[in-house]
N, C-alpha and C. Protein backbone atom coordinates (compact mmCIF):
# COMPACT_ATOMS: atom_id res chain seq x y z
N MET A 1 -72.77 11.37 -32.43
CA MET A 1 -74.03 11.92 -31.98
C MET A 1 -74.52 11.04 -30.83
N PRO A 2 -75.00 11.65 -29.74
CA PRO A 2 -75.53 10.86 -28.62
C PRO A 2 -76.71 10.00 -29.06
N GLN A 3 -76.91 8.89 -28.34
CA GLN A 3 -77.99 7.97 -28.68
C GLN A 3 -78.92 7.75 -27.50
N ILE A 4 -80.17 7.51 -27.82
CA ILE A 4 -81.16 7.06 -26.84
C ILE A 4 -81.43 5.60 -27.16
N ARG A 5 -81.44 4.77 -26.14
CA ARG A 5 -81.74 3.35 -26.34
C ARG A 5 -83.08 3.05 -25.69
N LEU A 6 -84.01 2.54 -26.48
CA LEU A 6 -85.30 2.09 -25.96
C LEU A 6 -85.29 0.57 -26.02
N MET A 7 -85.66 -0.06 -24.94
CA MET A 7 -85.66 -1.52 -24.94
C MET A 7 -86.82 -2.04 -24.11
N GLY A 8 -87.26 -3.23 -24.46
CA GLY A 8 -88.34 -3.85 -23.71
C GLY A 8 -88.55 -5.27 -24.17
N SER A 9 -89.40 -5.98 -23.45
CA SER A 9 -89.63 -7.39 -23.76
C SER A 9 -90.74 -7.58 -24.79
N ASP A 10 -91.47 -6.52 -25.13
CA ASP A 10 -92.52 -6.59 -26.15
C ASP A 10 -92.10 -5.72 -27.33
N SER A 11 -91.74 -6.35 -28.44
CA SER A 11 -91.22 -5.64 -29.61
C SER A 11 -92.21 -4.62 -30.16
N ASP A 12 -93.50 -4.94 -30.13
CA ASP A 12 -94.50 -4.00 -30.64
C ASP A 12 -94.57 -2.74 -29.79
N ASP A 13 -94.51 -2.89 -28.46
CA ASP A 13 -94.51 -1.74 -27.57
C ASP A 13 -93.27 -0.88 -27.79
N VAL A 14 -92.12 -1.52 -27.95
CA VAL A 14 -90.88 -0.77 -28.17
C VAL A 14 -90.97 0.02 -29.47
N GLN A 15 -91.49 -0.59 -30.53
CA GLN A 15 -91.61 0.09 -31.82
C GLN A 15 -92.57 1.27 -31.74
N ARG A 16 -93.74 1.07 -31.09
CA ARG A 16 -94.70 2.17 -30.95
C ARG A 16 -94.11 3.31 -30.14
N THR A 17 -93.39 2.98 -29.07
CA THR A 17 -92.78 4.00 -28.23
C THR A 17 -91.70 4.75 -29.01
N ALA A 18 -90.87 4.02 -29.74
CA ALA A 18 -89.82 4.66 -30.54
C ALA A 18 -90.42 5.60 -31.58
N ASP A 19 -91.49 5.19 -32.24
CA ASP A 19 -92.14 6.05 -33.22
C ASP A 19 -92.64 7.34 -32.58
N ALA A 20 -93.25 7.22 -31.40
CA ALA A 20 -93.76 8.40 -30.70
C ALA A 20 -92.62 9.32 -30.25
N VAL A 21 -91.53 8.74 -29.75
CA VAL A 21 -90.39 9.54 -29.30
C VAL A 21 -89.76 10.28 -30.48
N VAL A 22 -89.60 9.60 -31.61
CA VAL A 22 -89.01 10.24 -32.80
C VAL A 22 -89.91 11.38 -33.28
N ARG A 23 -91.23 11.17 -33.33
CA ARG A 23 -92.13 12.25 -33.74
C ARG A 23 -92.00 13.45 -32.81
N ALA A 24 -91.96 13.19 -31.50
CA ALA A 24 -91.86 14.29 -30.53
C ALA A 24 -90.52 15.02 -30.66
N LEU A 25 -89.44 14.29 -30.83
CA LEU A 25 -88.13 14.93 -30.96
C LEU A 25 -88.02 15.73 -32.26
N ARG A 26 -88.58 15.23 -33.34
CA ARG A 26 -88.53 15.96 -34.61
C ARG A 26 -89.38 17.22 -34.56
N ALA A 27 -90.44 17.21 -33.75
CA ALA A 27 -91.30 18.39 -33.62
C ALA A 27 -90.66 19.47 -32.75
N TRP A 28 -89.70 19.08 -31.92
CA TRP A 28 -89.05 20.01 -31.01
C TRP A 28 -87.97 20.78 -31.77
N PRO A 29 -88.04 22.11 -31.82
CA PRO A 29 -87.09 22.87 -32.65
C PRO A 29 -85.65 22.83 -32.17
N GLU A 30 -85.41 22.47 -30.92
CA GLU A 30 -84.05 22.48 -30.40
C GLU A 30 -83.36 21.14 -30.49
N CYS A 31 -83.99 20.16 -31.12
CA CYS A 31 -83.40 18.83 -31.25
C CYS A 31 -83.23 18.48 -32.72
N ARG A 32 -82.15 17.76 -32.98
CA ARG A 32 -81.92 17.22 -34.31
C ARG A 32 -81.86 15.71 -34.17
N VAL A 33 -82.69 15.01 -34.93
CA VAL A 33 -82.74 13.55 -34.87
C VAL A 33 -81.92 13.00 -36.03
N GLY A 34 -81.02 12.07 -35.71
CA GLY A 34 -80.21 11.42 -36.74
C GLY A 34 -80.82 10.08 -37.13
N ASP A 35 -79.99 9.08 -37.21
CA ASP A 35 -80.44 7.75 -37.62
C ASP A 35 -81.27 7.09 -36.52
N VAL A 36 -82.26 6.33 -36.95
CA VAL A 36 -83.06 5.50 -36.06
C VAL A 36 -82.83 4.06 -36.51
N SER A 37 -82.35 3.23 -35.59
CA SER A 37 -82.01 1.86 -35.97
C SER A 37 -83.25 1.02 -36.21
N SER A 38 -83.07 -0.05 -36.93
CA SER A 38 -84.11 -1.08 -37.02
C SER A 38 -84.12 -1.80 -35.67
N PRO A 39 -85.20 -2.48 -35.34
CA PRO A 39 -85.23 -3.22 -34.07
C PRO A 39 -84.10 -4.26 -34.01
N VAL A 40 -83.39 -4.26 -32.88
CA VAL A 40 -82.30 -5.21 -32.65
C VAL A 40 -82.79 -6.20 -31.59
N PRO A 41 -82.84 -7.50 -31.89
CA PRO A 41 -83.34 -8.47 -30.90
C PRO A 41 -82.51 -8.44 -29.62
N ASN A 42 -83.18 -8.57 -28.48
CA ASN A 42 -82.47 -8.66 -27.21
C ASN A 42 -81.62 -9.92 -27.18
N ARG A 43 -80.48 -9.84 -26.53
CA ARG A 43 -79.59 -11.01 -26.45
C ARG A 43 -80.17 -12.12 -25.59
N ARG A 44 -80.83 -11.71 -24.52
CA ARG A 44 -81.47 -12.69 -23.64
C ARG A 44 -82.95 -12.34 -23.55
N GLY A 45 -83.78 -13.30 -23.67
CA GLY A 45 -85.21 -13.06 -23.55
C GLY A 45 -85.81 -12.53 -24.83
N SER A 46 -87.07 -12.16 -24.73
CA SER A 46 -87.79 -11.67 -25.90
C SER A 46 -87.66 -10.16 -26.00
N GLY A 47 -88.22 -9.62 -27.06
CA GLY A 47 -88.23 -8.17 -27.22
C GLY A 47 -87.08 -7.67 -28.07
N CYS A 48 -86.88 -6.35 -28.01
CA CYS A 48 -85.85 -5.75 -28.85
C CYS A 48 -85.37 -4.43 -28.27
N ARG A 49 -84.37 -3.85 -28.96
CA ARG A 49 -83.82 -2.54 -28.64
C ARG A 49 -83.89 -1.69 -29.91
N ILE A 50 -84.13 -0.40 -29.74
CA ILE A 50 -84.08 0.55 -30.86
C ILE A 50 -83.24 1.72 -30.40
N TYR A 51 -82.29 2.12 -31.24
CA TYR A 51 -81.39 3.23 -30.93
C TYR A 51 -81.79 4.45 -31.76
N ILE A 52 -81.84 5.61 -31.13
CA ILE A 52 -82.20 6.86 -31.78
C ILE A 52 -81.07 7.85 -31.55
N GLU A 53 -80.48 8.36 -32.63
CA GLU A 53 -79.46 9.39 -32.50
C GLU A 53 -80.16 10.74 -32.35
N VAL A 54 -79.74 11.53 -31.37
CA VAL A 54 -80.37 12.83 -31.13
C VAL A 54 -79.31 13.80 -30.62
N LEU A 55 -79.45 15.05 -31.05
CA LEU A 55 -78.49 16.08 -30.66
C LEU A 55 -79.24 17.36 -30.35
N ALA A 56 -78.89 18.01 -29.25
CA ALA A 56 -79.46 19.31 -28.93
C ALA A 56 -78.84 20.31 -29.90
N ASP A 57 -79.68 21.01 -30.61
CA ASP A 57 -79.22 21.91 -31.67
C ASP A 57 -79.27 23.36 -31.23
N VAL A 58 -78.69 23.65 -30.08
CA VAL A 58 -78.65 25.01 -29.57
C VAL A 58 -77.24 25.30 -29.07
N ALA A 59 -76.90 26.58 -29.04
CA ALA A 59 -75.57 26.97 -28.58
C ALA A 59 -75.49 27.03 -27.05
N ASP A 60 -76.61 27.32 -26.40
CA ASP A 60 -76.62 27.45 -24.94
C ASP A 60 -76.78 26.09 -24.28
N GLN A 61 -76.56 26.07 -22.98
CA GLN A 61 -76.82 24.87 -22.21
C GLN A 61 -78.32 24.57 -22.25
N VAL A 62 -78.66 23.31 -22.32
CA VAL A 62 -80.07 22.90 -22.39
C VAL A 62 -80.40 22.12 -21.13
N GLU A 63 -81.51 22.46 -20.51
CA GLU A 63 -81.98 21.72 -19.34
C GLU A 63 -83.28 21.04 -19.73
N VAL A 64 -83.35 19.74 -19.50
CA VAL A 64 -84.53 18.96 -19.86
C VAL A 64 -85.14 18.40 -18.59
N THR A 65 -86.45 18.54 -18.46
CA THR A 65 -87.18 18.00 -17.33
C THR A 65 -88.19 16.98 -17.84
N VAL A 66 -88.21 15.81 -17.23
CA VAL A 66 -89.13 14.76 -17.63
C VAL A 66 -89.97 14.41 -16.42
N GLU A 67 -91.28 14.35 -16.62
CA GLU A 67 -92.18 13.99 -15.54
C GLU A 67 -93.00 12.79 -15.96
N ARG A 68 -93.26 11.90 -15.03
CA ARG A 68 -94.11 10.74 -15.31
C ARG A 68 -95.55 11.20 -15.43
N ASP A 69 -96.27 10.53 -16.32
CA ASP A 69 -97.67 10.89 -16.53
C ASP A 69 -98.60 9.73 -16.17
N ASP A 70 -98.08 8.69 -15.57
CA ASP A 70 -98.93 7.55 -15.22
C ASP A 70 -99.20 7.57 -13.72
N GLN A 71 -100.45 7.71 -13.38
CA GLN A 71 -100.86 7.80 -11.98
C GLN A 71 -100.70 6.48 -11.24
N GLU A 72 -100.77 5.37 -11.94
CA GLU A 72 -100.68 4.06 -11.30
C GLU A 72 -99.38 3.91 -10.54
N GLN A 73 -98.27 4.31 -11.15
CA GLN A 73 -96.97 4.21 -10.51
C GLN A 73 -96.87 5.16 -9.31
N GLN A 74 -97.46 6.34 -9.41
CA GLN A 74 -97.35 7.32 -8.34
C GLN A 74 -98.18 6.92 -7.13
N ASP A 75 -99.25 6.18 -7.37
CA ASP A 75 -100.11 5.78 -6.26
C ASP A 75 -99.45 4.73 -5.38
N ARG A 76 -98.60 3.92 -5.97
CA ARG A 76 -97.91 2.88 -5.20
C ARG A 76 -96.57 3.41 -4.72
N ALA A 77 -96.40 3.47 -3.43
CA ALA A 77 -95.13 3.90 -2.88
C ALA A 77 -94.12 2.76 -2.95
N VAL A 78 -92.96 3.05 -3.45
CA VAL A 78 -91.90 2.05 -3.55
C VAL A 78 -90.86 2.38 -2.50
N GLN A 79 -90.57 1.42 -1.64
CA GLN A 79 -89.58 1.64 -0.60
C GLN A 79 -88.32 0.87 -0.95
N ARG A 80 -87.19 1.56 -0.86
CA ARG A 80 -85.90 0.94 -1.11
C ARG A 80 -84.96 1.33 0.00
N ARG A 81 -84.03 0.43 0.26
CA ARG A 81 -83.01 0.75 1.26
C ARG A 81 -82.09 1.81 0.69
N ALA A 82 -81.62 2.69 1.54
CA ALA A 82 -80.71 3.74 1.11
C ALA A 82 -79.33 3.15 0.83
N LEU A 83 -78.61 3.78 -0.08
CA LEU A 83 -77.24 3.37 -0.35
C LEU A 83 -76.35 3.75 0.82
N PRO A 84 -75.27 3.01 1.06
CA PRO A 84 -74.38 3.39 2.14
C PRO A 84 -73.71 4.73 1.84
N ALA A 85 -73.33 5.43 2.89
CA ALA A 85 -72.68 6.74 2.73
C ALA A 85 -71.35 6.58 2.01
N GLY A 86 -71.04 7.57 1.18
CA GLY A 86 -69.77 7.55 0.44
C GLY A 86 -68.59 7.83 1.36
N ARG A 87 -67.41 7.55 0.89
CA ARG A 87 -66.22 7.74 1.69
C ARG A 87 -65.53 9.07 1.39
N GLY A 88 -66.16 9.90 0.55
CA GLY A 88 -65.63 11.23 0.32
C GLY A 88 -64.43 11.27 -0.63
N ARG A 89 -64.19 10.20 -1.37
CA ARG A 89 -63.06 10.22 -2.31
C ARG A 89 -63.60 10.38 -3.71
N ARG A 90 -62.81 11.01 -4.55
CA ARG A 90 -63.20 11.21 -5.94
C ARG A 90 -62.45 10.24 -6.83
N LEU A 91 -63.14 9.73 -7.81
CA LEU A 91 -62.50 8.82 -8.75
C LEU A 91 -61.81 9.65 -9.83
N PRO A 92 -60.66 9.17 -10.32
CA PRO A 92 -59.97 9.90 -11.38
C PRO A 92 -60.78 9.81 -12.67
N ARG A 93 -60.66 10.86 -13.49
CA ARG A 93 -61.39 10.88 -14.78
C ARG A 93 -60.59 10.24 -15.86
């Protein structure tokens, strides 16, 4: 089953976020939630990781759209250098 990994440097924030995500996924009729891990301490630094097993429970293709809801991030423009152009070759699978 596919997994979602939530991680952060504040264990309480990660736990609250994981609880909210699990509630939302269980309320959604097209998702099936499997095991939710206990908090796993980060290898470096503080905080933890929580893994959530989730599966789309529909026969058709599913398209998911996620939008940010925090205005603070949208108000600040972030500028990054563009990646160099690709060479047009495909990697083998």
